Amino acid sequence: MEHDDLSLQVETIPTRLSISRLQNGWKEFFCYISFQNNQAIPIEHVSWSFSVLKHEKTILNGSHLVTEQEQEIGRIAIATLLPLEWEDGEFIVEIGSFQQPNIFTWGMEAYHQSGSFQLPFTGQVLILGGHRIGEVHRSAWQIPSQQMGWDMIRLGKDGLRLLKGKETENLRADDFVAFGQAVLAPAEGQVEKAVDGQPDLTHVGQLPQDMNYYLEDLTRASGNYVIINHGDRVWSCLAHLRNGSVNVQAGQKVEGGQVIGEMGNSGFSSGPHLHIHFMDGPDLLSASPLPIEFDIEGETYAPQSGEIISS
């Protein structure tokens, strides 16, 4: 990172800047600009541009007047589409006062995955939440490794059913067809971490009451989870597993499609589902997200909210 004034400390969240590819070929970029003002320099505006290294040209730029709320929290969200021809380049930010701007530069990459990854369920799968700009995962800043994650749930074998019976006003986790169904490793690798013993929330919408428990350790929001090292600096995290179902341990080698646990409702979860994301390190709190794509019905892409797909 290059800058011309050490009194203003600026960083990106996540640390590693990569873009995600849409099925139509366009790309999406999102990050937070986090700043700490050590000498009370006014933070009035932020402007940015994207430069393609290969062609040495700016392809896109924008600007934003910083609100009082953004100044108070020290964080600004930047989101945009990038054109089809985007390649590795630089993200250049000018931030500060109009009279005393500060310039920061970070590298950006058009990530190319080297391995193939399968869905963590067999059969029909409903994508409950994806990572398009504006969705919950993409907006995560306290656990930025999940910014390119998914929430998904397996549907019934005999049709597109979520529930075992009729819908009621007081749905339980075990009313869902997928609750307790096998969760599979998305590719071969070695288990980095396996956490079990966290209770499942029994009812849908029954969010935990003790928030301090999660604030003390944000990883607890994942409930029971498994982190797998797939090599080539790619780790996966599969979270909210059923209490008592995790059947792998740290250091164990797993094959793609191997059962590593069952879908549950543990951790900070509003209903039974599986959360999965990929990252460039094993630490949920410090790693950056990776725009990994799944092999789905003969294609390789990142599914998004509302899609029903088959493994």
C-alpha atoms as a PDB file:
ATOM      1  CA  MET A   1       0.000   0.000   0.000  1.00  0.00           C
ATOM      2  CA  GLU A   2       1.339   3.452  -0.911  1.00  0.00           C
ATOM      3  CA  HIS A   3       0.210   6.672   0.740  1.00  0.00           C
ATOM      4  CA  ASP A   4       1.460  10.203   1.256  1.00  0.00           C
ATOM      5  CA  ASP A   5       0.390  10.888   4.851  1.00  0.00           C
ATOM      6  CA  LEU A   6       1.105   8.517   7.718  1.00  0.00           C
ATOM      7  CA  SER A   7      -1.278  10.379  10.030  1.00  0.00           C
ATOM      8  CA  LEU A   8      -4.262   8.822   8.281  1.00  0.00           C
ATOM      9  CA  GLN A   9      -4.330   5.029   8.530  1.00  0.00           C
ATOM     10  CA  VAL A  10      -6.462   3.367   5.885  1.00  0.00           C
ATOM     11  CA  GLU A  11      -7.010  -0.307   5.057  1.00  0.00           C
ATOM     12  CA  THR A  12      -9.398  -2.424   3.068  1.00  0.00           C
ATOM     13  CA  ILE A  13     -11.761  -5.056   4.426  1.00  0.00           C
ATOM     14  CA  PRO A  14     -11.038  -7.701   3.270  1.00  0.00           C
ATOM     15  CA  THR A  15      -7.272  -7.385   2.993  1.00  0.00           C
ATOM     16  CA  ARG A  16      -7.042  -9.337  -0.269  1.00  0.00           C
ATOM     17  CA  LEU A  17      -9.056  -7.721  -3.040  1.00  0.00           C
ATOM     18  CA  SER A  18     -10.535 -10.046  -5.622  1.00  0.00           C
ATOM     19  CA  ILE A  19     -13.646  -9.886  -7.760  1.00  0.00           C
ATOM     20  CA  SER A  20     -16.507 -12.309  -8.297  1.00  0.00           C
ATOM     21  CA  ARG A  21     -17.747 -13.359 -11.723  1.00  0.00           C
ATOM     22  CA  LEU A  22     -21.386 -13.264 -12.763  1.00  0.00           C
ATOM     23  CA  GLN A  23     -22.852 -15.820 -15.162  1.00  0.00           C
ATOM     24  CA  ASN A  24     -23.206 -13.146 -17.858  1.00  0.00           C
ATOM     25  CA  GLY A  25     -19.452 -12.513 -17.704  1.00  0.00           C
ATOM     26  CA  TRP A  26     -19.506  -9.226 -15.824  1.00  0.00           C
ATOM     27  CA  LYS A  27     -17.687  -8.928 -12.522  1.00  0.00           C
ATOM     28  CA  GLU A  28     -18.621  -7.486  -9.141  1.00  0.00           C
ATOM     29  CA  PHE A  29     -16.302  -5.712  -6.725  1.00  0.00           C
ATOM     30  CA  PHE A  30     -16.991  -4.866  -3.104  1.00  0.00           C
ATOM     31  CA  CYS A  31     -14.898  -3.810  -0.134  1.00  0.00           C
ATOM     32  CA  TYR A  32     -14.937  -1.548   2.879  1.00  0.00           C
ATOM     33  CA  ILE A  33     -12.488   1.309   3.266  1.00  0.00           C
ATOM     34  CA  SER A  34     -11.689   1.430   6.973  1.00  0.00           C
ATOM     35  CA  PHE A  35      -9.902   4.506   8.278  1.00  0.00           C
ATOM     36  CA  GLN A  36      -8.488   5.668  11.583  1.00  0.00           C
ATOM     37  CA  ASN A  37      -7.857   9.369  11.900  1.00  0.00           C
ATOM     38  CA  ASN A  38      -4.962   9.956  14.307  1.00  0.00           C
ATOM     39  CA  GLN A  39      -4.698  13.728  13.956  1.00  0.00           C
ATOM     40  CA  ALA A  40      -8.303  14.800  13.381  1.00  0.00           C
ATOM     41  CA  ILE A  41      -7.870  15.407   9.651  1.00  0.00           C
ATOM     42  CA  PRO A  42     -11.358  16.028   8.218  1.00  0.00           C
ATOM     43  CA  ILE A  43     -12.647  13.047   6.224  1.00  0.00           C
ATOM     44  CA  GLU A  44     -14.912  14.832   3.772  1.00  0.00           C
ATOM     45  CA  HIS A  45     -14.781  12.759   0.625  1.00  0.00           C
ATOM     46  CA  VAL A  46     -13.493   9.570  -0.924  1.00  0.00           C
ATOM     47  CA  SER A  47     -12.893   8.968  -4.615  1.00  0.00           C
ATOM     48  CA  TRP A  48     -11.633   5.826  -6.284  1.00  0.00           C
ATOM     49  CA  SER A  49     -10.479   4.455  -9.589  1.00  0.00           C
ATOM     50  CA  PHE A  50      -9.539   1.086 -11.077  1.00  0.00           C
ATOM     51  CA  SER A  51      -6.467   0.754 -13.225  1.00  0.00           C
ATOM     52  CA  VAL A  52      -5.659  -2.241 -15.437  1.00  0.00           C
ATOM     53  CA  LEU A  53      -1.956  -2.996 -15.074  1.00  0.00           C
ATOM     54  CA  LYS A  54      -1.563  -4.672 -18.456  1.00  0.00           C
ATOM     55  CA  HIS A  55      -2.953  -1.717 -20.390  1.00  0.00           C
ATOM     56  CA  GLU A  56      -1.892   1.031 -17.950  1.00  0.00           C
ATOM     57  CA  LYS A  57      -5.250   2.750 -18.118  1.00  0.00           C
ATOM     58  CA  THR A  58      -8.077   3.716 -15.801  1.00  0.00           C
ATOM     59  CA  ILE A  59     -11.294   1.907 -16.638  1.00  0.00           C
ATOM     60  CA  LEU A  60     -13.689   3.133 -13.966  1.00  0.00           C
ATOM     61  CA  ASN A  61     -13.887   5.750 -11.243  1.00  0.00           C
ATOM     62  CA  GLY A  62     -16.299   7.192  -8.730  1.00  0.00           C
ATOM     63  CA  SER A  63     -16.594   9.499  -5.725  1.00  0.00           C
ATOM     64  CA  HIS A  64     -18.578   9.844  -2.526  1.00  0.00           C
ATOM     65  CA  LEU A  65     -19.180  12.574   0.075  1.00  0.00           C
ATOM     66  CA  VAL A  66     -18.549  11.004   3.474  1.00  0.00           C
ATOM     67  CA  THR A  67     -21.523  11.191   5.838  1.00  0.00           C
ATOM     68  CA  GLU A  68     -21.306  11.988   9.545  1.00  0.00           C
ATOM     69  CA  GLN A  69     -22.213   8.396  10.368  1.00  0.00           C
ATOM     70  CA  GLU A  70     -19.434   7.062   8.156  1.00  0.00           C
ATOM     71  CA  GLN A  71     -16.976   9.454   9.797  1.00  0.00           C
ATOM     72  CA  GLU A  72     -18.069   8.247  13.206  1.00  0.00           C
ATOM     73  CA  ILE A  73     -17.734   4.529  12.474  1.00  0.00           C
ATOM     74  CA  GLY A  74     -14.649   4.980  10.265  1.00  0.00           C
ATOM     75  CA  ARG A  75     -15.889   2.757   7.468  1.00  0.00           C
ATOM     76  CA  ILE A  76     -17.116   3.322   3.910  1.00  0.00           C
ATOM     77  CA  ALA A  77     -18.544   0.658   1.580  1.00  0.00           C
ATOM     78  CA  ILE A  78     -17.528   0.704  -2.084  1.00  0.00           C
ATOM     79  CA  ALA A  79     -19.324  -1.491  -4.609  1.00  0.00           C
ATOM     80  CA  THR A  80     -19.387  -1.568  -8.386  1.00  0.00           C
ATOM     81  CA  LEU A  81     -19.629  -3.679 -11.499  1.00  0.00           C
ATOM     82  CA  LEU A  82     -16.463  -4.189 -13.525  1.00  0.00           C
ATOM     83  CA  PRO A  83     -16.449  -4.776 -17.281  1.00  0.00           C
ATOM     84  CA  LEU A  84     -15.922  -8.069 -19.070  1.00  0.00           C
ATOM     85  CA  GLU A  85     -12.288  -7.403 -19.955  1.00  0.00           C
ATOM     86  CA  TRP A  86     -11.166  -6.739 -16.375  1.00  0.00           C
ATOM     87  CA  GLU A  87      -7.759  -8.209 -15.518  1.00  0.00           C
ATOM     88  CA  ASP A  88      -5.365  -7.809 -12.586  1.00  0.00           C
ATOM     89  CA  GLY A  89      -4.985  -4.171 -11.664  1.00  0.00           C
ATOM     90  CA  GLU A  90      -4.923  -1.553  -8.948  1.00  0.00           C
ATOM     91  CA  PHE A  91      -7.567  -0.016  -6.720  1.00  0.00           C
ATOM     92  CA  ILE A  92      -6.667   3.623  -6.050  1.00  0.00           C
ATOM     93  CA  VAL A  93      -8.403   5.611  -3.313  1.00  0.00           C
ATOM     94  CA  GLU A  94      -8.176   9.324  -2.524  1.00  0.00           C
ATOM     95  CA  ILE A  95      -9.569  10.082   0.914  1.00  0.00           C
ATOM     96  CA  GLY A  96      -9.549  13.018   3.339  1.00  0.00           C
ATOM     97  CA  SER A  97     -10.364  16.676   2.972  1.00  0.00           C
ATOM     98  CA  PHE A  98     -10.696  18.450  -0.344  1.00  0.00           C
ATOM     99  CA  GLN A  99      -7.685  20.594   0.577  1.00  0.00           C
ATOM    100  CA  GLN A 100      -5.564  17.705   1.927  1.00  0.00           C
ATOM    101  CA  PRO A 101      -6.317  14.454   0.112  1.00  0.00           C
ATOM    102  CA  ASN A 102      -4.453  11.239   0.875  1.00  0.00           C
ATOM    103  CA  ILE A 103      -3.824   8.634  -1.810  1.00  0.00           C
ATOM    104  CA  PHE A 104      -3.732   4.889  -1.154  1.00  0.00           C
ATOM    105  CA  THR A 105      -3.156   2.091  -3.645  1.00  0.00           C
ATOM    106  CA  TRP A 106      -3.907  -1.630  -3.376  1.00  0.00           C
ATOM    107  CA  GLY A 107      -3.530  -4.465  -5.845  1.00  0.00           C
ATOM    108  CA  MET A 108      -6.607  -6.258  -7.202  1.00  0.00           C
ATOM    109  CA  GLU A 109      -6.753  -9.656  -8.823  1.00  0.00           C
ATOM    110  CA  ALA A 110      -9.035 -11.464 -11.215  1.00  0.00           C
ATOM    111  CA  TYR A 111      -8.930 -14.733  -9.256  1.00  0.00           C
ATOM    112  CA  HIS A 112      -8.580 -17.992 -11.170  1.00  0.00           C
ATOM    113  CA  GLN A 113      -9.299 -21.140  -9.201  1.00  0.00           C
ATOM    114  CA  SER A 114      -7.193 -24.180  -9.964  1.00  0.00           C
ATOM    115  CA  GLY A 115      -9.360 -26.934  -8.488  1.00  0.00           C
ATOM    116  CA  SER A 116     -12.955 -28.083  -8.865  1.00  0.00           C
ATOM    117  CA  PHE A 117     -15.535 -28.026  -6.074  1.00  0.00           C
ATOM    118  CA  GLN A 118     -18.833 -29.853  -5.712  1.00  0.00           C
ATOM    119  CA  LEU A 119     -21.951 -28.908  -3.799  1.00  0.00           C
ATOM    120  CA  PRO A 120     -21.953 -30.062  -0.152  1.00  0.00           C
ATOM    121  CA  PHE A 121     -25.262 -31.932  -0.591  1.00  0.00           C
ATOM    122  CA  THR A 122     -26.631 -34.574  -2.910  1.00  0.00           C
ATOM    123  CA  GLY A 123     -29.926 -34.037  -4.720  1.00  0.00           C
ATOM    124  CA  GLN A 124     -31.865 -30.793  -5.093  1.00  0.00           C
ATOM    125  CA  VAL A 125     -30.427 -27.783  -3.267  1.00  0.00           C
ATOM    126  CA  LEU A 126     -32.063 -24.402  -2.597  1.00  0.00           C
ATOM    127  CA  ILE A 127     -29.739 -21.400  -2.314  1.00  0.00           C
ATOM    128  CA  LEU A 128     -31.138 -19.340   0.546  1.00  0.00           C
ATOM    129  CA  GLY A 129     -28.479 -16.626   0.442  1.00  0.00           C
ATOM    130  CA  GLY A 130     -25.683 -15.826  -1.977  1.00  0.00           C
ATOM    131  CA  HIS A 131     -23.117 -13.071  -2.275  1.00  0.00           C
ATOM    132  CA  ARG A 132     -24.263 -10.588  -4.862  1.00  0.00           C
ATOM    133  CA  ILE A 133     -23.641  -6.972  -3.861  1.00  0.00           C
ATOM    134  CA  GLY A 134     -26.243  -5.951  -1.268  1.00  0.00           C
ATOM    135  CA  GLU A 135     -26.720  -9.401   0.223  1.00  0.00           C
ATOM    136  CA  VAL A 136     -25.926 -10.185   3.844  1.00  0.00           C
ATOM    137  CA  HIS A 137     -22.804 -12.254   3.211  1.00  0.00           C
ATOM    138  CA  ARG A 138     -21.184  -9.733   0.879  1.00  0.00           C
ATOM    139  CA  SER A 139     -21.734  -6.983   3.447  1.00  0.00           C
ATOM    140  CA  ALA A 140     -19.979  -8.823   6.297  1.00  0.00           C
ATOM    141  CA  TRP A 141     -17.155  -6.803   7.836  1.00  0.00           C
ATOM    142  CA  GLN A 142     -16.529  -8.354  11.263  1.00  0.00           C
ATOM    143  CA  ILE A 143     -15.946 -11.768   9.628  1.00  0.00           C
ATOM    144  CA  PRO A 144     -14.903 -10.721   6.104  1.00  0.00           C
ATOM    145  CA  SER A 145     -13.850 -14.249   5.112  1.00  0.00           C
ATOM    146  CA  GLN A 146     -17.549 -15.042   4.562  1.00  0.00           C
ATOM    147  CA  GLN A 147     -18.190 -12.214   2.077  1.00  0.00           C
ATOM    148  CA  MET A 148     -18.414 -14.708  -0.791  1.00  0.00           C
ATOM    149  CA  GLY A 149     -20.373 -17.371   1.065  1.00  0.00           C
ATOM    150  CA  TRP A 150     -23.696 -19.130   0.657  1.00  0.00           C
ATOM    151  CA  ASP A 151     -26.550 -20.323   2.848  1.00  0.00           C
ATOM    152  CA  MET A 152     -28.164 -23.419   1.380  1.00  0.00           C
ATOM    153  CA  ILE A 153     -30.504 -26.247   2.242  1.00  0.00           C
ATOM    154  CA  ARG A 154     -31.241 -29.639   0.741  1.00  0.00           C
ATOM    155  CA  LEU A 155     -34.764 -30.296  -0.523  1.00  0.00           C
ATOM    156  CA  GLY A 156     -36.774 -33.495  -0.246  1.00  0.00           C
ATOM    157  CA  LYS A 157     -35.993 -36.424  -2.535  1.00  0.00           C
ATOM    158  CA  ASP A 158     -39.608 -36.725  -3.636  1.00  0.00           C
ATOM    159  CA  GLY A 159     -39.988 -33.112  -4.763  1.00  0.00           C
ATOM    160  CA  LEU A 160     -39.140 -29.530  -3.950  1.00  0.00           C
ATOM    161  CA  ARG A 161     -40.168 -29.803  -0.322  1.00  0.00           C
ATOM    162  CA  LEU A 162     -38.613 -27.956   2.608  1.00  0.00           C
ATOM    163  CA  LEU A 163     -40.779 -29.449   5.355  1.00  0.00           C
ATOM    164  CA  LYS A 164     -41.664 -32.969   6.406  1.00  0.00           C
ATOM    165  CA  GLY A 165     -45.263 -31.959   7.038  1.00  0.00           C
ATOM    166  CA  LYS A 166     -47.474 -28.880   6.945  1.00  0.00           C
ATOM    167  CA  GLU A 167     -46.209 -25.423   7.794  1.00  0.00           C
ATOM    168  CA  THR A 168     -47.091 -24.207  11.282  1.00  0.00           C
ATOM    169  CA  GLU A 169     -46.606 -20.954  13.168  1.00  0.00           C
ATOM    170  CA  ASN A 170     -44.064 -22.544  15.489  1.00  0.00           C
ATOM    171  CA  LEU A 171     -41.727 -24.463  13.200  1.00  0.00           C
ATOM    172  CA  ARG A 172     -39.054 -26.597  14.782  1.00  0.00           C
ATOM    173  CA  ALA A 173     -35.654 -27.254  13.254  1.00  0.00           C
ATOM    174  CA  ASP A 174     -36.427 -30.951  12.920  1.00  0.00           C
ATOM    175  CA  ASP A 175     -39.570 -30.139  10.897  1.00  0.00           C
ATOM    176  CA  PHE A 176     -37.234 -29.520   7.942  1.00  0.00           C
ATOM    177  CA  VAL A 177     -36.423 -32.346   5.551  1.00  0.00           C
ATOM    178  CA  ALA A 178     -32.752 -31.379   5.510  1.00  0.00           C
ATOM    179  CA  PHE A 179     -32.215 -31.250   9.259  1.00  0.00           C
ATOM    180  CA  GLY A 180     -29.796 -34.068  10.033  1.00  0.00           C
ATOM    181  CA  GLN A 181     -29.008 -34.767   6.368  1.00  0.00           C
ATOM    182  CA  ALA A 182     -25.420 -35.496   5.338  1.00  0.00           C
ATOM    183  CA  VAL A 183     -23.059 -32.592   4.595  1.00  0.00           C
ATOM    184  CA  LEU A 184     -20.235 -33.406   2.187  1.00  0.00           C
ATOM    185  CA  ALA A 185     -16.701 -32.117   1.745  1.00  0.00           C
ATOM    186  CA  PRO A 186     -16.662 -29.941  -1.404  1.00  0.00           C
ATOM    187  CA  ALA A 187     -13.277 -31.328  -2.505  1.00  0.00           C
ATOM    188  CA  GLU A 188     -10.423 -33.410  -1.180  1.00  0.00           C
ATOM    189  CA  GLY A 189      -8.215 -31.908   1.478  1.00  0.00           C
ATOM    190  CA  GLN A 190      -7.112 -32.056   5.083  1.00  0.00           C
ATOM    191  CA  VAL A 191      -9.259 -30.986   8.013  1.00  0.00           C
ATOM    192  CA  GLU A 192      -7.802 -27.856   9.594  1.00  0.00           C
ATOM    193  CA  LYS A 193     -10.324 -27.494  12.402  1.00  0.00           C
ATOM    194  CA  ALA A 194     -13.422 -29.324  13.589  1.00  0.00           C
ATOM    195  CA  VAL A 195     -15.753 -27.876  16.224  1.00  0.00           C
ATOM    196  CA  ASP A 196     -18.648 -29.787  17.773  1.00  0.00           C
ATOM    197  CA  GLY A 197     -20.669 -29.695  20.978  1.00  0.00           C
ATOM    198  CA  GLN A 198     -22.634 -26.503  20.352  1.00  0.00           C
ATOM    199  CA  PRO A 199     -26.391 -27.005  20.863  1.00  0.00           C
ATOM    200  CA  ASP A 200     -28.866 -26.621  18.018  1.00  0.00           C
ATOM    201  CA  LEU A 201     -31.554 -23.979  18.333  1.00  0.00           C
ATOM    202  CA  THR A 202     -34.796 -25.928  18.451  1.00  0.00           C
ATOM    203  CA  HIS A 203     -37.123 -23.468  16.697  1.00  0.00           C
ATOM    204  CA  VAL A 204     -37.014 -21.317  13.584  1.00  0.00           C
ATOM    205  CA  GLY A 205     -36.398 -17.657  14.395  1.00  0.00           C
ATOM    206  CA  GLN A 206     -35.095 -18.531  17.857  1.00  0.00           C
ATOM    207  CA  LEU A 207     -32.007 -16.326  17.737  1.00  0.00           C
ATOM    208  CA  PRO A 208     -29.657 -16.646  20.720  1.00  0.00           C
ATOM    209  CA  GLN A 209     -30.388 -14.253  23.584  1.00  0.00           C
ATOM    210  CA  ASP A 210     -26.863 -13.875  25.029  1.00  0.00           C
ATOM    211  CA  MET A 211     -25.116 -11.665  22.459  1.00  0.00           C
ATOM    212  CA  ASN A 212     -22.074 -11.224  24.699  1.00  0.00           C
ATOM    213  CA  TYR A 213     -21.318 -14.909  24.211  1.00  0.00           C
ATOM    214  CA  TYR A 214     -20.786 -14.263  20.488  1.00  0.00           C
ATOM    215  CA  LEU A 215     -19.106 -10.896  20.876  1.00  0.00           C
ATOM    216  CA  GLU A 216     -16.461 -12.497  23.107  1.00  0.00           C
ATOM    217  CA  ASP A 217     -15.533 -14.813  20.212  1.00  0.00           C
ATOM    218  CA  LEU A 218     -17.114 -14.106  16.827  1.00  0.00           C
ATOM    219  CA  THR A 219     -16.271 -17.592  15.534  1.00  0.00           C
ATOM    220  CA  ARG A 220     -18.951 -18.933  17.873  1.00  0.00           C
ATOM    221  CA  ALA A 221     -21.527 -17.594  15.404  1.00  0.00           C
ATOM    222  CA  SER A 222     -20.617 -20.538  13.157  1.00  0.00           C
ATOM    223  CA  GLY A 223     -21.807 -23.032  15.774  1.00  0.00           C
ATOM    224  CA  ASN A 224     -20.438 -26.458  14.928  1.00  0.00           C
ATOM    225  CA  TYR A 225     -18.177 -26.185  11.896  1.00  0.00           C
ATOM    226  CA  VAL A 226     -15.409 -27.777   9.871  1.00  0.00           C
ATOM    227  CA  ILE A 227     -12.572 -25.985   8.075  1.00  0.00           C
ATOM    228  CA  ILE A 228     -10.798 -27.939   5.304  1.00  0.00           C
ATOM    229  CA  ASN A 229      -7.476 -27.102   3.667  1.00  0.00           C
ATOM    230  CA  HIS A 230      -7.816 -27.930  -0.038  1.00  0.00           C
ATOM    231  CA  GLY A 231      -4.287 -26.866  -0.979  1.00  0.00           C
ATOM    232  CA  ASP A 232      -3.236 -24.012  -3.255  1.00  0.00           C
ATOM    233  CA  ARG A 233      -4.127 -21.588  -0.433  1.00  0.00           C
ATOM    234  CA  VAL A 234      -7.829 -22.479  -0.464  1.00  0.00           C
ATOM    235  CA  TRP A 235      -9.760 -23.344   2.702  1.00  0.00           C
ATOM    236  CA  SER A 236     -13.478 -24.060   2.999  1.00  0.00           C
ATOM    237  CA  CYS A 237     -15.693 -23.504   6.036  1.00  0.00           C
ATOM    238  CA  LEU A 238     -18.923 -25.481   6.518  1.00  0.00           C
ATOM    239  CA  ALA A 239     -20.943 -24.139   9.434  1.00  0.00           C
ATOM    240  CA  HIS A 240     -24.100 -24.523  11.600  1.00  0.00           C
ATOM    241  CA  LEU A 241     -23.677 -28.327  11.648  1.00  0.00           C
ATOM    242  CA  ARG A 242     -25.878 -30.480  13.846  1.00  0.00           C
ATOM    243  CA  ASN A 243     -24.677 -30.969  17.396  1.00  0.00           C
ATOM    244  CA  GLY A 244     -22.888 -34.294  17.741  1.00  0.00           C
ATOM    245  CA  SER A 245     -22.703 -34.932  14.001  1.00  0.00           C
ATOM    246  CA  VAL A 246     -19.160 -33.794  13.161  1.00  0.00           C
ATOM    247  CA  ASN A 247     -17.325 -37.012  12.308  1.00  0.00           C
ATOM    248  CA  VAL A 248     -13.898 -35.690  11.264  1.00  0.00           C
ATOM    249  CA  GLN A 249     -11.031 -34.215  13.242  1.00  0.00           C
ATOM    250  CA  ALA A 250      -8.106 -31.867  12.686  1.00  0.00           C
ATOM    251  CA  GLY A 251      -5.346 -33.440  10.605  1.00  0.00           C
ATOM    252  CA  GLN A 252      -7.633 -35.997   8.949  1.00  0.00           C
ATOM    253  CA  LYS A 253      -7.568 -36.294   5.159  1.00  0.00           C
ATOM    254  CA  VAL A 254     -10.948 -36.269   3.413  1.00  0.00           C
ATOM    255  CA  GLU A 255     -12.114 -36.982  -0.126  1.00  0.00           C
ATOM    256  CA  GLY A 256     -14.484 -34.836  -2.124  1.00  0.00           C
ATOM    257  CA  GLY A 257     -18.041 -35.985  -1.375  1.00  0.00           C
ATOM    258  CA  GLN A 258     -17.091 -37.538   1.964  1.00  0.00           C
ATOM    259  CA  VAL A 259     -19.588 -36.985   4.793  1.00  0.00           C
ATOM    260  CA  ILE A 260     -18.130 -34.606   7.375  1.00  0.00           C
ATOM    261  CA  GLY A 261     -21.258 -33.958   9.443  1.00  0.00           C
ATOM    262  CA  GLU A 262     -24.979 -33.214   9.256  1.00  0.00           C
ATOM    263  CA  MET A 263     -26.954 -30.072   8.532  1.00  0.00           C
ATOM    264  CA  GLY A 264     -28.095 -28.445  11.743  1.00  0.00           C
ATOM    265  CA  ASN A 265     -29.104 -25.181  13.376  1.00  0.00           C
ATOM    266  CA  SER A 266     -26.200 -24.385  15.706  1.00  0.00           C
ATOM    267  CA  GLY A 267     -24.570 -21.027  16.361  1.00  0.00           C
ATOM    268  CA  PHE A 268     -26.088 -17.716  15.327  1.00  0.00           C
ATOM    269  CA  SER A 269     -28.720 -19.143  13.000  1.00  0.00           C
ATOM    270  CA  SER A 270     -32.301 -18.066  12.320  1.00  0.00           C
ATOM    271  CA  GLY A 271     -33.252 -21.487  10.948  1.00  0.00           C
ATOM    272  CA  PRO A 272     -31.717 -24.781   9.854  1.00  0.00           C
ATOM    273  CA  HIS A 273     -29.306 -24.405   6.931  1.00  0.00           C
ATOM    274  CA  LEU A 274     -25.713 -24.927   5.896  1.00  0.00           C
ATOM    275  CA  HIS A 275     -23.332 -22.020   5.534  1.00  0.00           C
ATOM    276  CA  ILE A 276     -20.308 -22.542   3.275  1.00  0.00           C
ATOM    277  CA  HIS A 277     -17.592 -20.207   2.084  1.00  0.00           C
ATOM    278  CA  PHE A 278     -14.033 -20.340   0.797  1.00  0.00           C
ATOM    279  CA  MET A 279     -11.101 -18.263   2.023  1.00  0.00           C
ATOM    280  CA  ASP A 280      -7.338 -17.817   1.608  1.00  0.00           C
ATOM    281  CA  GLY A 281      -6.384 -18.858   5.143  1.00  0.00           C
ATOM    282  CA  PRO A 282      -7.602 -21.025   8.039  1.00  0.00           C
ATOM    283  CA  ASP A 283      -8.561 -18.173  10.402  1.00  0.00           C
ATOM    284  CA  LEU A 284     -12.183 -17.096  10.032  1.00  0.00           C
ATOM    285  CA  LEU A 285     -11.482 -13.621  11.391  1.00  0.00           C
ATOM    286  CA  SER A 286      -8.345 -12.701   9.436  1.00  0.00           C
ATOM    287  CA  ALA A 287      -8.656 -14.590   6.128  1.00  0.00           C
ATOM    288  CA  SER A 288      -9.973 -12.983   2.952  1.00  0.00           C
ATOM    289  CA  PRO A 289     -12.837 -14.474   0.903  1.00  0.00           C
ATOM    290  CA  LEU A 290     -12.212 -16.275  -2.367  1.00  0.00           C
ATOM    291  CA  PRO A 291     -14.657 -16.222  -5.319  1.00  0.00           C
ATOM    292  CA  ILE A 292     -14.718 -20.002  -5.725  1.00  0.00           C
ATOM    293  CA  GLU A 293     -17.290 -21.477  -8.112  1.00  0.00           C
ATOM    294  CA  PHE A 294     -19.015 -24.877  -7.939  1.00  0.00           C
ATOM    295  CA  ASP A 295     -19.342 -27.505 -10.641  1.00  0.00           C
ATOM    296  CA  ILE A 296     -23.101 -27.602 -11.201  1.00  0.00           C
ATOM    297  CA  GLU A 297     -24.919 -29.615 -13.868  1.00  0.00           C
ATOM    298  CA  GLY A 298     -22.081 -29.365 -16.379  1.00  0.00           C
ATOM    299  CA  GLU A 299     -21.253 -25.703 -15.655  1.00  0.00           C
ATOM    300  CA  THR A 300     -18.900 -23.937 -13.270  1.00  0.00           C
ATOM    301  CA  TYR A 301     -20.349 -20.852 -11.603  1.00  0.00           C
ATOM    302  CA  ALA A 302     -21.368 -19.223  -8.313  1.00  0.00           C
ATOM    303  CA  PRO A 303     -25.077 -19.856  -7.607  1.00  0.00           C
ATOM    304  CA  GLN A 304     -27.065 -17.063  -6.010  1.00  0.00           C
ATOM    305  CA  SER A 305     -30.171 -16.516  -3.914  1.00  0.00           C
ATOM    306  CA  GLY A 306     -33.334 -18.275  -4.992  1.00  0.00           C
ATOM    307  CA  GLU A 307     -31.723 -20.794  -7.338  1.00  0.00           C
ATOM    308  CA  ILE A 308     -32.645 -24.464  -7.135  1.00  0.00           C
ATOM    309  CA  ILE A 309     -29.786 -26.605  -8.385  1.00  0.00           C
ATOM    310  CA  SER A 310     -28.838 -30.280  -8.457  1.00  0.00           C
ATOM    311  CA  SER A 311     -25.609 -31.932  -7.455  1.00  0.00           C
END
